[in-house]
C-alpha atoms as a PDB file:
ATOM      1  CA  MET A   1     101.046 104.373 104.061  1.00  0.00           C
ATOM      2  CA  VAL A   2      99.016 102.368 106.166  1.00  0.00           C
ATOM      3  CA  GLN A   3      98.021 103.616 109.847  1.00  0.00           C
ATOM      4  CA  ASP A   4      99.511 101.040 112.281  1.00  0.00           C
ATOM      5  CA  SER A   5      96.675  99.142 113.610  1.00  0.00           C
ATOM      6  CA  THR A   6      98.401  96.292 115.511  1.00  0.00           C
ATOM      7  CA  ALA A   7      98.063  96.127 119.518  1.00  0.00           C
ATOM      8  CA  ALA A   8     101.384  97.496 120.703  1.00  0.00           C
ATOM      9  CA  PRO A   9     102.384 101.274 120.418  1.00  0.00           C
ATOM     10  CA  ALA A  10     105.134 101.901 117.793  1.00  0.00           C
ATOM     11  CA  LEU A  11     107.243 102.881 120.489  1.00  0.00           C
ATOM     12  CA  GLU A  12     106.819  99.844 122.480  1.00  0.00           C
ATOM     13  CA  LYS A  13     107.496  97.863 119.330  1.00  0.00           C
ATOM     14  CA  PHE A  14     110.477  99.402 118.616  1.00  0.00           C
ATOM     15  CA  ALA A  15     111.822  99.149 122.086  1.00  0.00           C
ATOM     16  CA  ALA A  16     111.145  95.402 122.011  1.00  0.00           C
ATOM     17  CA  PHE A  17     112.699  95.165 118.635  1.00  0.00           C
ATOM     18  CA  ALA A  18     115.951  97.216 119.835  1.00  0.00           C
ATOM     19  CA  SER A  19     116.094  95.047 122.903  1.00  0.00           C
ATOM     20  CA  ALA A  20     116.220  91.708 120.678  1.00  0.00           C
ATOM     21  CA  ALA A  21     118.689  93.367 118.673  1.00  0.00           C
ATOM     22  CA  GLU A  22     121.045  94.034 121.216  1.00  0.00           C
ATOM     23  CA  ALA A  23     120.620  90.417 122.773  1.00  0.00           C
ATOM     24  CA  ALA A  24     121.501  89.173 119.405  1.00  0.00           C
ATOM     25  CA  LEU A  25     124.686  91.282 119.423  1.00  0.00           C
ATOM     26  CA  THR A  26     125.764  89.941 122.655  1.00  0.00           C
ATOM     27  CA  ARG A  27     125.063  86.300 121.745  1.00  0.00           C
ATOM     28  CA  SER A  28     126.669  86.537 118.006  1.00  0.00           C
ATOM     29  CA  GLY A  29     129.311  89.294 118.326  1.00  0.00           C
ATOM     30  CA  VAL A  30     129.550  92.748 116.792  1.00  0.00           C
ATOM     31  CA  ALA A  31     130.881  93.349 113.538  1.00  0.00           C
ATOM     32  CA  GLU A  32     130.980  97.202 112.969  1.00  0.00           C
ATOM     33  CA  GLU A  33     131.197  98.962 109.499  1.00  0.00           C
ATOM     34  CA  SER A  34     130.718 102.812 108.381  1.00  0.00           C
ATOM     35  CA  VAL A  35     129.562 103.382 104.909  1.00  0.00           C
ATOM     36  CA  SER A  36     128.169 106.265 102.681  1.00  0.00           C
ATOM     37  CA  PRO A  37     125.549 105.027 100.409  1.00  0.00           C
ATOM     38  CA  GLY A  38     123.920 107.611  98.431  1.00  0.00           C
ATOM     39  CA  GLY A  39     126.834 109.922  99.891  1.00  0.00           C
ATOM     40  CA  ALA A  40     125.383 110.057 103.455  1.00  0.00           C
ATOM     41  CA  ASP A  41     127.064 108.658 106.536  1.00  0.00           C
ATOM     42  CA  VAL A  42     125.644 105.445 108.067  1.00  0.00           C
ATOM     43  CA  SER A  43     126.984 103.419 110.725  1.00  0.00           C
ATOM     44  CA  ILE A  44     126.098  99.537 111.131  1.00  0.00           C
ATOM     45  CA  ARG A  45     126.342  96.985 113.693  1.00  0.00           C
ATOM     46  CA  PHE A  46     126.203  93.500 112.543  1.00  0.00           C
ATOM     47  CA  ALA A  47     125.370  90.675 114.924  1.00  0.00           C
ATOM     48  CA  GLY A  48     128.114  88.365 113.885  1.00  0.00           C
ATOM     49  CA  PRO A  49     130.605  88.089 110.839  1.00  0.00           C
ATOM     50  CA  ARG A  50     128.610  86.021 108.692  1.00  0.00           C
ATOM     51  CA  LEU A  51     125.934  88.647 108.370  1.00  0.00           C
ATOM     52  CA  ARG A  52     128.719  91.477 107.594  1.00  0.00           C
ATOM     53  CA  ASP A  53     130.407  89.187 104.910  1.00  0.00           C
ATOM     54  CA  GLN A  54     126.905  88.688 103.289  1.00  0.00           C
ATOM     55  CA  MET A  55     125.339  92.180 103.379  1.00  0.00           C
ATOM     56  CA  MET A  56     128.493  94.516 103.150  1.00  0.00           C
ATOM     57  CA  ARG A  57     129.508  93.179  99.671  1.00  0.00           C
ATOM     58  CA  ALA A  58     126.960  95.686  97.866  1.00  0.00           C
ATOM     59  CA  PHE A  59     128.387  98.554  99.939  1.00  0.00           C
ATOM     60  CA  SER A  60     132.102  97.780  99.716  1.00  0.00           C
ATOM     61  CA  HIS A  61     132.768 100.616  97.463  1.00  0.00           C
ATOM     62  CA  VAL A  62     131.219 103.133  99.718  1.00  0.00           C
ATOM     63  CA  ARG A  63     133.226 102.084 102.914  1.00  0.00           C
ATOM     64  CA  THR A  64     134.436 105.033 104.999  1.00  0.00           C
ATOM     65  CA  SER A  65     136.746 105.470 107.983  1.00  0.00           C
ATOM     66  CA  GLY A  66     134.013 106.222 110.313  1.00  0.00           C
ATOM     67  CA  ASP A  67     135.766 109.372 111.511  1.00  0.00           C
ATOM     68  CA  THR A  68     132.605 111.394 111.018  1.00  0.00           C
ATOM     69  CA  GLU A  69     129.363 111.234 113.093  1.00  0.00           C
ATOM     70  CA  SER A  70     126.936 108.970 111.168  1.00  0.00           C
ATOM     71  CA  ALA A  71     123.564 110.419 110.340  1.00  0.00           C
ATOM     72  CA  LEU A  72     122.142 107.179 110.984  1.00  0.00           C
ATOM     73  CA  ARG A  73     122.538 104.091 113.206  1.00  0.00           C
ATOM     74  CA  VAL A  74     121.539 100.675 111.855  1.00  0.00           C
ATOM     75  CA  THR A  75     121.770  97.375 113.505  1.00  0.00           C
ATOM     76  CA  ILE A  76     121.180  94.232 111.570  1.00  0.00           C
ATOM     77  CA  TRP A  77     120.536  90.786 113.143  1.00  0.00           C
ATOM     78  CA  ASP A  78     119.221  87.377 112.445  1.00  0.00           C
ATOM     79  CA  SER A  79     117.432  84.717 114.358  1.00  0.00           C
ATOM     80  CA  ALA A  80     119.019  81.616 113.207  1.00  0.00           C
ATOM     81  CA  GLY A  81     122.627  82.825 114.277  1.00  0.00           C
ATOM     82  CA  SER A  82     121.444  84.267 117.392  1.00  0.00           C
ATOM     83  CA  GLY A  83     118.927  81.631 118.745  1.00  0.00           C
ATOM     84  CA  LEU A  84     116.537  84.573 119.406  1.00  0.00           C
ATOM     85  CA  PRO A  85     112.792  84.863 118.054  1.00  0.00           C
ATOM     86  CA  LEU A  86     111.303  87.994 116.933  1.00  0.00           C
ATOM     87  CA  PRO A  87     109.659  89.716 120.030  1.00  0.00           C
ATOM     88  CA  ARG A  88     105.901  89.137 119.922  1.00  0.00           C
ATOM     89  CA  GLU A  89     105.401  93.053 120.417  1.00  0.00           C
ATOM     90  CA  VAL A  90     106.240  93.411 116.685  1.00  0.00           C
ATOM     91  CA  GLY A  91     103.394  91.411 115.404  1.00  0.00           C
ATOM     92  CA  LEU A  92     103.402  88.987 112.603  1.00  0.00           C
ATOM     93  CA  PRO A  93     104.128  89.464 108.924  1.00  0.00           C
ATOM     94  CA  SER A  94     100.178  88.981 108.427  1.00  0.00           C
ATOM     95  CA  ASP A  95      99.531  91.923 110.342  1.00  0.00           C
ATOM     96  CA  HIS A  96     101.793  93.941 107.800  1.00  0.00           C
ATOM     97  CA  ARG A  97     100.429  92.413 104.746  1.00  0.00           C
ATOM     98  CA  ARG A  98      97.258  92.595 102.472  1.00  0.00           C
ATOM     99  CA  ARG A  99      96.388  90.472  99.754  1.00  0.00           C
ATOM    100  CA  GLY A 100      99.757  88.914  99.486  1.00  0.00           C
ATOM    101  CA  LEU A 101     101.522  92.430  99.318  1.00  0.00           C
ATOM    102  CA  ALA A 102     103.803  94.156 102.011  1.00  0.00           C
ATOM    103  CA  GLN A 103     102.182  97.187 103.674  1.00  0.00           C
ATOM    104  CA  LEU A 104     104.144  99.997 105.188  1.00  0.00           C
ATOM    105  CA  GLN A 105     103.210 100.853 108.820  1.00  0.00           C
ATOM    106  CA  THR A 106     103.753 104.215 109.984  1.00  0.00           C
ATOM    107  CA  ASN A 107     102.957 105.594 113.442  1.00  0.00           C
ATOM    108  CA  GLY A 108     104.417 108.951 114.427  1.00  0.00           C
ATOM    109  CA  PRO A 109     108.185 108.900 113.770  1.00  0.00           C
ATOM    110  CA  ILE A 110     108.545 105.098 113.093  1.00  0.00           C
ATOM    111  CA  LEU A 111     107.824 103.253 110.138  1.00  0.00           C
ATOM    112  CA  SER A 112     108.153  99.323 109.859  1.00  0.00           C
ATOM    113  CA  LEU A 113     107.653  96.964 107.088  1.00  0.00           C
ATOM    114  CA  PHE A 114     107.753  93.188 106.958  1.00  0.00           C
ATOM    115  CA  ASP A 115     108.983  92.804 103.295  1.00  0.00           C
ATOM    116  CA  LEU A 116     108.287  89.969 100.961  1.00  0.00           C
ATOM    117  CA  ASP A 117     111.682  88.575 101.333  1.00  0.00           C
ATOM    118  CA  GLY A 118     110.808  87.559 104.990  1.00  0.00           C
ATOM    119  CA  GLY A 119     112.670  90.339 106.679  1.00  0.00           C
ATOM    120  CA  LEU A 120     111.676  93.188 109.057  1.00  0.00           C
ATOM    121  CA  SER A 121     112.604  96.910 108.907  1.00  0.00           C
ATOM    122  CA  MET A 122     112.105  99.514 111.159  1.00  0.00           C
ATOM    123  CA  LEU A 123     112.976 103.242 111.345  1.00  0.00           C
ATOM    124  CA  ASP A 124     112.943 105.790 114.239  1.00  0.00           C
ATOM    125  CA  PHE A 125     113.148 109.139 112.500  1.00  0.00           C
ATOM    126  CA  ALA A 126     113.328 110.714 115.809  1.00  0.00           C
ATOM    127  CA  ARG A 127     116.337 109.196 117.278  1.00  0.00           C
ATOM    128  CA  LYS A 128     117.844 108.478 113.731  1.00  0.00           C
ATOM    129  CA  ARG A 129     118.127 104.704 114.484  1.00  0.00           C
ATOM    130  CA  ALA A 130     117.194 101.866 112.318  1.00  0.00           C
ATOM    131  CA  ILE A 131     117.043  98.095 112.941  1.00  0.00           C
ATOM    132  CA  ASN A 132     116.756  95.177 110.351  1.00  0.00           C
ATOM    133  CA  TRP A 133     116.282  91.797 110.859  1.00  0.00           C
ATOM    134  CA  VAL A 134     116.191  88.783 108.726  1.00  0.00           C
ATOM    135  CA  PRO A 135     115.380  84.986 109.483  1.00  0.00           C
ATOM    136  CA  ASP A 136     118.800  83.389 108.591  1.00  0.00           C
ATOM    137  CA  ALA A 137     122.098  84.922 107.387  1.00  0.00           C
ATOM    138  CA  ASN A 138     122.852  81.819 105.692  1.00  0.00           C
ATOM    139  CA  ARG A 139     119.611  81.826 103.596  1.00  0.00           C
ATOM    140  CA  LEU A 140     119.320  85.503 102.215  1.00  0.00           C
ATOM    141  CA  THR A 141     117.523  86.531  99.410  1.00  0.00           C
ATOM    142  CA  GLU A 142     118.612  87.872  96.120  1.00  0.00           C
ATOM    143  CA  ARG A 143     117.413  91.571  97.327  1.00  0.00           C
ATOM    144  CA  GLN A 144     118.800  91.162 100.880  1.00  0.00           C
ATOM    145  CA  ARG A 145     122.174  90.225  99.435  1.00  0.00           C
ATOM    146  CA  ALA A 146     122.352  92.538  96.538  1.00  0.00           C
ATOM    147  CA  ALA A 147     120.383  95.543  97.844  1.00  0.00           C
ATOM    148  CA  PRO A 148     120.431  95.440 101.613  1.00  0.00           C
ATOM    149  CA  LEU A 149     118.801  98.157 103.857  1.00  0.00           C
ATOM    150  CA  GLN A 150     116.814  99.056 100.682  1.00  0.00           C
ATOM    151  CA  ALA A 151     113.633 100.048 102.581  1.00  0.00           C
ATOM    152  CA  ILE A 152     115.432 101.816 105.311  1.00  0.00           C
ATOM    153  CA  LEU A 153     117.561 103.857 103.086  1.00  0.00           C
ATOM    154  CA  SER A 154     114.789 104.766 100.655  1.00  0.00           C
ATOM    155  CA  TRP A 155     112.916 106.147 103.875  1.00  0.00           C
ATOM    156  CA  TRP A 156     115.864 107.760 105.442  1.00  0.00           C
ATOM    157  CA  LEU A 157     117.969 109.348 102.229  1.00  0.00           C
ATOM    158  CA  PRO A 158     115.056 111.726 101.471  1.00  0.00           C
ATOM    159  CA  THR A 159     115.724 113.486 104.974  1.00  0.00           C
ATOM    160  CA  GLN A 160     119.192 113.869 103.725  1.00  0.00           C
ATOM    161  CA  SER A 161     118.318 116.210 100.871  1.00  0.00           C
ATOM    162  CA  ARG A 162     118.395 113.253  98.422  1.00  0.00           C
ATOM    163  CA  THR A 163     115.588 111.849  96.193  1.00  0.00           C
ATOM    164  CA  VAL A 164     115.637 107.991  95.486  1.00  0.00           C
ATOM    165  CA  ALA A 165     115.060 106.645  92.109  1.00  0.00           C
ATOM    166  CA  HIS A 166     114.497 103.331  90.640  1.00  0.00           C
ATOM    167  CA  ALA A 167     117.101 103.736  87.848  1.00  0.00           C
ATOM    168  CA  ALA A 168     120.407 102.612  86.579  1.00  0.00           C
ATOM    169  CA  ALA A 169     123.335 105.036  86.582  1.00  0.00           C
ATOM    170  CA  LEU A 170     126.345 104.865  84.217  1.00  0.00           C
ATOM    171  CA  GLY A 171     128.595 107.515  83.120  1.00  0.00           C
ATOM    172  CA  THR A 172     131.734 108.684  81.349  1.00  0.00           C
ATOM    173  CA  PRO A 173     134.028 111.543  82.209  1.00  0.00           C
ATOM    174  CA  ALA A 174     131.580 114.095  80.995  1.00  0.00           C
ATOM    175  CA  GLY A 175     128.808 112.625  83.505  1.00  0.00           C
ATOM    176  CA  ALA A 176     125.957 110.290  83.931  1.00  0.00           C
ATOM    177  CA  VAL A 177     122.891 108.992  82.254  1.00  0.00           C
ATOM    178  CA  LEU A 178     120.062 107.446  84.246  1.00  0.00           C
ATOM    179  CA  LEU A 179     118.073 104.690  82.818  1.00  0.00           C
ATOM    180  CA  SER A 180     114.580 103.726  83.891  1.00  0.00           C
ATOM    181  CA  GLY A 181     111.523 101.625  83.045  1.00  0.00           C
ATOM    182  CA  GLY A 182     109.537  98.812  83.941  1.00  0.00           C
ATOM    183  CA  SER A 183     110.372  95.262  84.703  1.00  0.00           C
ATOM    184  CA  HIS A 184     112.385  93.588  81.807  1.00  0.00           C
ATOM    185  CA  ALA A 185     112.886  97.035  80.284  1.00  0.00           C
ATOM    186  CA  GLY A 186     116.732  96.051  79.791  1.00  0.00           C
ATOM    187  CA  LYS A 187     118.100  98.455  82.630  1.00  0.00           C
ATOM    188  CA  SER A 188     120.665  95.719  83.882  1.00  0.00           C
ATOM    189  CA  THR A 189     121.557  94.145  80.486  1.00  0.00           C
ATOM    190  CA  THR A 190     122.174  97.701  79.415  1.00  0.00           C
ATOM    191  CA  ALA A 191     124.191  98.623  82.336  1.00  0.00           C
ATOM    192  CA  LEU A 192     126.386  95.573  81.874  1.00  0.00           C
ATOM    193  CA  ALA A 193     126.722  96.342  78.135  1.00  0.00           C
ATOM    194  CA  CYS A 194     127.925  99.877  79.295  1.00  0.00           C
ATOM    195  CA  VAL A 195     130.516  98.732  81.548  1.00  0.00           C
ATOM    196  CA  ASP A 196     131.790  96.243  78.888  1.00  0.00           C
ATOM    197  CA  ASN A 197     132.241  99.292  76.638  1.00  0.00           C
ATOM    198  CA  GLY A 198     134.211 101.429  79.236  1.00  0.00           C
ATOM    199  CA  PHE A 199     131.566 103.209  81.168  1.00  0.00           C
ATOM    200  CA  PHE A 200     131.870 104.214  84.695  1.00  0.00           C
ATOM    201  CA  TYR A 201     129.297 102.374  87.082  1.00  0.00           C
ATOM    202  CA  LEU A 202     127.082 103.706  89.799  1.00  0.00           C
ATOM    203  CA  GLY A 203     124.259 101.225  90.028  1.00  0.00           C
ATOM    204  CA  ASP A 204     121.727  98.977  88.288  1.00  0.00           C
ATOM    205  CA  ASP A 205     118.344  99.685  89.874  1.00  0.00           C
ATOM    206  CA  LEU A 206     118.729 102.261  92.726  1.00  0.00           C
ATOM    207  CA  CYS A 207     120.345 105.602  93.036  1.00  0.00           C
ATOM    208  CA  ALA A 208     120.296 108.862  95.191  1.00  0.00           C
ATOM    209  CA  LEU A 209     120.016 112.164  93.631  1.00  0.00           C
ATOM    210  CA  THR A 210     120.793 115.483  94.889  1.00  0.00           C
ATOM    211  CA  ALA A 211     120.256 119.118  93.221  1.00  0.00           C
ATOM    212  CA  ALA A 212     122.868 121.344  94.918  1.00  0.00           C
ATOM    213  CA  GLY A 213     124.253 123.052  91.768  1.00  0.00           C
ATOM    214  CA  ASP A 214     124.129 120.054  88.996  1.00  0.00           C
ATOM    215  CA  VAL A 215     121.712 117.322  89.506  1.00  0.00           C
ATOM    216  CA  THR A 216     124.290 114.815  90.827  1.00  0.00           C
ATOM    217  CA  ALA A 217     123.736 110.718  90.784  1.00  0.00           C
ATOM    218  CA  HIS A 218     125.289 108.938  93.930  1.00  0.00           C
ATOM    219  CA  SER A 219     125.859 105.326  94.267  1.00  0.00           C
ATOM    220  CA  VAL A 220     124.201 103.224  96.820  1.00  0.00           C
ATOM    221  CA  TYR A 221     125.139  99.460  95.726  1.00  0.00           C
ATOM    222  CA  CYS A 222     128.139  98.062  93.438  1.00  0.00           C
ATOM    223  CA  SER A 223     125.974  94.904  92.827  1.00  0.00           C
ATOM    224  CA  VAL A 224     124.600  94.080  89.329  1.00  0.00           C
ATOM    225  CA  LYS A 225     121.447  91.783  88.836  1.00  0.00           C
ATOM    226  CA  VAL A 226     120.813  89.999  85.544  1.00  0.00           C
ATOM    227  CA  PHE A 227     118.661  87.272  84.351  1.00  0.00           C
ATOM    228  CA  GLU A 228     120.367  83.887  83.738  1.00  0.00           C
ATOM    229  CA  HIS A 229     119.597  83.868  79.947  1.00  0.00           C
ATOM    230  CA  ASN A 230     121.623  86.922  79.434  1.00  0.00           C
ATOM    231  CA  LEU A 231     124.722  85.712  81.077  1.00  0.00           C
ATOM    232  CA  GLU A 232     125.987  84.044  77.995  1.00  0.00           C
ATOM    233  CA  LYS A 233     126.406  87.553  76.503  1.00  0.00           C
ATOM    234  CA  PHE A 234     128.780  88.609  79.349  1.00  0.00           C
ATOM    235  CA  ALA A 235     131.244  85.692  79.918  1.00  0.00           C
ATOM    236  CA  ASN A 236     133.753  87.724  81.873  1.00  0.00           C
ATOM    237  CA  PHE A 237     130.839  88.825  84.201  1.00  0.00           C
ATOM    238  CA  ALA A 238     129.318  85.244  84.472  1.00  0.00           C
ATOM    239  CA  ARG A 239     132.578  84.036  86.061  1.00  0.00           C
ATOM    240  CA  VAL A 240     132.047  86.371  89.156  1.00  0.00           C
ATOM    241  CA  VAL A 241     128.301  85.336  89.760  1.00  0.00           C
ATOM    242  CA  THR A 242     128.061  84.626  93.319  1.00  0.00           C
ATOM    243  CA  ASN A 243     124.801  82.647  93.422  1.00  0.00           C
ATOM    244  CA  PRO A 244     125.127  79.997  90.519  1.00  0.00           C
ATOM    245  CA  ALA A 245     123.261  77.461  92.283  1.00  0.00           C
ATOM    246  CA  SER A 246     120.060  79.631  92.620  1.00  0.00           C
ATOM    247  CA  LEU A 247     119.649  81.117  89.191  1.00  0.00           C
ATOM    248  CA  ASP A 248     116.404  78.865  88.676  1.00  0.00           C
ATOM    249  CA  THR A 249     114.722  81.077  91.321  1.00  0.00           C
ATOM    250  CA  GLU A 250     116.575  84.678  91.096  1.00  0.00           C
ATOM    251  CA  LYS A 251     118.686  86.887  89.031  1.00  0.00           C
ATOM    252  CA  ALA A 252     122.452  86.251  88.615  1.00  0.00           C
ATOM    253  CA  ILE A 253     124.333  88.414  91.083  1.00  0.00           C
ATOM    254  CA  GLY A 254     127.491  89.932  90.677  1.00  0.00           C
ATOM    255  CA  TYR A 255     129.688  92.776  92.249  1.00  0.00           C
ATOM    256  CA  LEU A 256     131.783  95.175  90.232  1.00  0.00           C
ATOM    257  CA  THR A 257     134.442  95.189  92.976  1.00  0.00           C
ATOM    258  CA  ASP A 258     134.962  91.546  91.741  1.00  0.00           C
ATOM    259  CA  TRP A 259     134.714  92.215  88.098  1.00  0.00           C
ATOM    260  CA  MET A 260     135.617  95.876  86.883  1.00  0.00           C
ATOM    261  CA  PRO A 261     136.389  97.926  90.234  1.00  0.00           C
ATOM    262  CA  ASP A 262     138.314 100.639  88.376  1.00  0.00           C
ATOM    263  CA  SER A 263     134.729 101.371  86.588  1.00  0.00           C
ATOM    264  CA  LEU A 264     133.073 102.246  90.193  1.00  0.00           C
ATOM    265  CA  ARG A 265     132.281 105.853  90.739  1.00  0.00           C
ATOM    266  CA  ARG A 266     130.501 107.138  93.858  1.00  0.00           C
ATOM    267  CA  SER A 267     129.082 110.019  92.272  1.00  0.00           C
ATOM    268  CA  LEU A 268     128.785 111.994  88.684  1.00  0.00           C
ATOM    269  CA  PRO A 269     126.705 114.920  87.265  1.00  0.00           C
ATOM    270  CA  VAL A 270     123.606 113.689  85.701  1.00  0.00           C
ATOM    271  CA  ARG A 271     123.441 114.919  81.774  1.00  0.00           C
ATOM    272  CA  ALA A 272     120.456 112.888  80.482  1.00  0.00           C
ATOM    273  CA  PHE A 273     117.678 110.762  81.874  1.00  0.00           C
ATOM    274  CA  VAL A 274     116.361 108.069  79.738  1.00  0.00           C
ATOM    275  CA  ILE A 275     113.209 105.903  79.631  1.00  0.00           C
ATOM    276  CA  LEU A 276     113.758 102.399  78.224  1.00  0.00           C
ATOM    277  CA  GLY A 277     111.021 101.379  75.889  1.00  0.00           C
ATOM    278  CA  GLU A 278     110.860  99.104  72.727  1.00  0.00           C
ATOM    279  CA  LYS A 279     113.603  96.465  72.414  1.00  0.00           C
ATOM    280  CA  GLY A 280     114.991  94.382  69.660  1.00  0.00           C
ATOM    281  CA  LEU A 281     115.612  97.198  66.921  1.00  0.00           C
ATOM    282  CA  ALA A 282     118.325  97.103  64.243  1.00  0.00           C
ATOM    283  CA  ARG A 283     119.665 100.210  65.751  1.00  0.00           C
ATOM    284  CA  PRO A 284     119.074 102.170  69.006  1.00  0.00           C
ATOM    285  CA  VAL A 285     116.569 105.073  68.751  1.00  0.00           C
ATOM    286  CA  ILE A 286     116.532 107.983  71.075  1.00  0.00           C
ATOM    287  CA  ARG A 287     113.909 110.672  71.207  1.00  0.00           C
ATOM    288  CA  ALA A 288     113.608 113.810  73.363  1.00  0.00           C
ATOM    289  CA  ILE A 289     110.591 113.706  75.528  1.00  0.00           C
ATOM    290  CA  PRO A 290     108.938 116.203  78.152  1.00  0.00           C
ATOM    291  CA  ALA A 291     109.863 115.938  81.865  1.00  0.00           C
ATOM    292  CA  ILE A 292     106.541 114.986  82.610  1.00  0.00           C
ATOM    293  CA  LYS A 293     106.441 111.874  80.413  1.00  0.00           C
ATOM    294  CA  ALA A 294     109.547 110.897  82.049  1.00  0.00           C
ATOM    295  CA  LEU A 295     108.183 110.903  85.582  1.00  0.00           C
ATOM    296  CA  ALA A 296     105.355 109.203  84.284  1.00  0.00           C
ATOM    297  CA  GLY A 297     108.021 106.240  83.325  1.00  0.00           C
ATOM    298  CA  VAL A 298     110.177 106.303  86.310  1.00  0.00           C
ATOM    299  CA  ALA A 299     107.428 106.923  89.093  1.00  0.00           C
ATOM    300  CA  PRO A 300     105.583 103.539  88.906  1.00  0.00           C
ATOM    301  CA  SER A 301     108.726 101.295  89.383  1.00  0.00           C
ATOM    302  CA  THR A 302     110.311 103.601  91.915  1.00  0.00           C
ATOM    303  CA  PHE A 303     107.072 103.545  93.881  1.00  0.00           C
ATOM    304  CA  PHE A 304     106.547  99.804  93.541  1.00  0.00           C
ATOM    305  CA  ASN A 305     110.163  98.694  94.509  1.00  0.00           C
ATOM    306  CA  LEU A 306     110.507 101.420  97.068  1.00  0.00           C
ATOM    307  CA  PRO A 307     107.692 101.236  99.631  1.00  0.00           C
ATOM    308  CA  GLY A 308     106.998 104.164 101.355  1.00  0.00           C
ATOM    309  CA  SER A 309     107.524 106.717  98.563  1.00  0.00           C
ATOM    310  CA  GLY A 310     104.704 109.207  98.188  1.00  0.00           C
ATOM    311  CA  LYS A 311     103.779 113.007  97.145  1.00  0.00           C
ATOM    312  CA  ALA A 312     106.829 114.465  98.679  1.00  0.00           C
ATOM    313  CA  GLU A 313     109.285 111.770  96.602  1.00  0.00           C
ATOM    314  CA  LEU A 314     107.070 112.268  93.361  1.00  0.00           C
ATOM    315  CA  ALA A 315     107.571 116.272  93.877  1.00  0.00           C
ATOM    316  CA  GLY A 316     111.186 115.783  94.192  1.00  0.00           C
ATOM    317  CA  LEU A 317     111.337 113.543  91.084  1.00  0.00           C
ATOM    318  CA  ALA A 318     109.627 115.979  89.168  1.00  0.00           C
ATOM    319  CA  LYS A 319     111.645 118.970  90.276  1.00  0.00           C
ATOM    320  CA  LEU A 320     114.928 116.957  89.246  1.00  0.00           C
ATOM    321  CA  LEU A 321     113.698 115.727  85.833  1.00  0.00           C
ATOM    322  CA  ASN A 322     112.731 119.518  85.083  1.00  0.00           C
ATOM    323  CA  ARG A 323     116.415 120.358  85.237  1.00  0.00           C
ATOM    324  CA  VAL A 324     118.007 117.573  82.911  1.00  0.00           C
ATOM    325  CA  PRO A 325     117.133 116.705  79.395  1.00  0.00           C
ATOM    326  CA  CYS A 326     114.914 113.611  79.136  1.00  0.00           C
ATOM    327  CA  TYR A 327     114.508 111.002  76.422  1.00  0.00           C
ATOM    328  CA  GLU A 328     113.043 107.786  75.496  1.00  0.00           C
ATOM    329  CA  MET A 329     115.216 104.976  74.043  1.00  0.00           C
ATOM    330  CA  SER A 330     114.144 101.960  71.814  1.00  0.00           C
ATOM    331  CA  LEU A 331     117.101  99.393  72.142  1.00  0.00           C
ATOM    332  CA  SER A 332     118.978  97.728  69.720  1.00  0.00           C
ATOM    333  CA  SER A 333     119.635  93.871  69.525  1.00  0.00           C
ATOM    334  CA  ASP A 334     123.244  94.758  68.948  1.00  0.00           C
ATOM    335  CA  LEU A 335     124.568  95.212  72.882  1.00  0.00           C
ATOM    336  CA  ASP A 336     127.434  97.195  71.686  1.00  0.00           C
ATOM    337  CA  ALA A 337     125.343  99.815  69.617  1.00  0.00           C
ATOM    338  CA  ASN A 338     123.190 100.999  72.668  1.00  0.00           C
ATOM    339  CA  PRO A 339     126.468 101.955  74.855  1.00  0.00           C
ATOM    340  CA  GLN A 340     127.754 103.983  71.862  1.00  0.00           C
ATOM    341  CA  ALA A 341     124.387 105.950  71.592  1.00  0.00           C
ATOM    342  CA  LEU A 342     124.414 106.616  75.274  1.00  0.00           C
ATOM    343  CA  ARG A 343     128.031 107.973  75.194  1.00  0.00           C
ATOM    344  CA  SER A 344     127.254 110.292  72.548  1.00  0.00           C
ATOM    345  CA  LEU A 345     124.201 111.386  74.406  1.00  0.00           C
ATOM    346  CA  ILE A 346     126.274 112.138  77.529  1.00  0.00           C
ATOM    347  CA  GLU A 347     129.188 113.616  75.753  1.00  0.00           C
ATOM    348  CA  ASN A 348     127.507 115.589  72.832  1.00  0.00           C
ATOM    349  CA  GLY A 349     123.989 116.108  74.056  1.00  0.00           C
ATOM    350  CA  SER A 350     122.839 114.077  71.096  1.00  0.00           C
ATOM    351  CA  ALA A 351     122.536 110.591  69.799  1.00  0.00           C
ATOM    352  CA  ALA A 352     124.333 110.799  66.424  1.00  0.00           C
ATOM    353  CA  GLY A 353     123.729 107.877  64.198  1.00  0.00           C
ATOM    354  CA  THR A 354     121.047 106.513  66.012  1.00  0.00           C
ATOM    355  CA  GLY A 355     117.714 107.732  64.335  1.00  0.00           C
ATOM    356  CA  GLU A 356     117.407 110.425  67.177  1.00  0.00           C
ATOM    357  CA  ARG A 357     114.065 112.277  66.878  1.00  0.00           C
ATOM    358  CA  SER A 358     112.183 114.748  68.937  1.00  0.00           C
ATOM    359  CA  GLU A 359     108.682 114.011  70.191  1.00  0.00           C
ATOM    360  CA  PRO A 360     106.041 115.921  68.079  1.00  0.00           C
END
């Protein structure tokens, strides 16, 4: 974390940001929703229906009635729709970036981030209130549509006894498997192949984990993102892609609510954690690895994709991984073979017929 060095004190920044958000709500109208990403209750006020329609799709499977008191209140607004600029007190994006990278600012109970997608997120832990600003509701980026409020949720969910991980989560009635690895490791492609083969779906790149009793994975988003060159392998999914005009600059985005809504699950007990490695084999190969090696596989991508993760989050991941069997998997070029191996791993505790081996 980077200590806040910009001119305005944190509380003054947040107050100015909150005032602008309220003014945007007045101008654009209030669209309210209640959701439970990661199994924790959140109330959201959108400045206008356009923002709600764009950013709620990823949360549509975790909508709630709003009858219970929310643990976090969030306001989302944009400048294009409201006609209001960001208040000068919050500073410029350049104040929050170094060498082209977004830098988390922390000052007391307030965290803020000007992300590289052009949005600003602020969270006041003490008041359990967050604000998210985007420049234009009509020009949201892939991340803002498919993974809204990602920074805010990754900061806040750990305060609700949850550990966040950059991992896909798929399952069967017997439980879930978590898939992690670096960029291009094959998480999203394998997740789609699993859904095509009858798996339940909890997410393709972010999940929340709890450890009361079984280690349990909780769904945050119902979105799926996959590179364009893989779309031809999933013809049915390709029909529900929502951003076909943008595939030259971003991944294809689709939502399980449009494709296979019956596959969606909010939570499942975790039976295995898998780090994806080599690709292109004739058949998948799975081998058991120690928890420390699994931690080394998931931690870098989690910290890179979820700014603000630190020692406490690392300790939380380590504790959880010590409670579930951990594996490394080399993927087959046969897309149907990988789900078969993962199903066996979940249901039998082994990957029969895949060349499974233990690490020496």
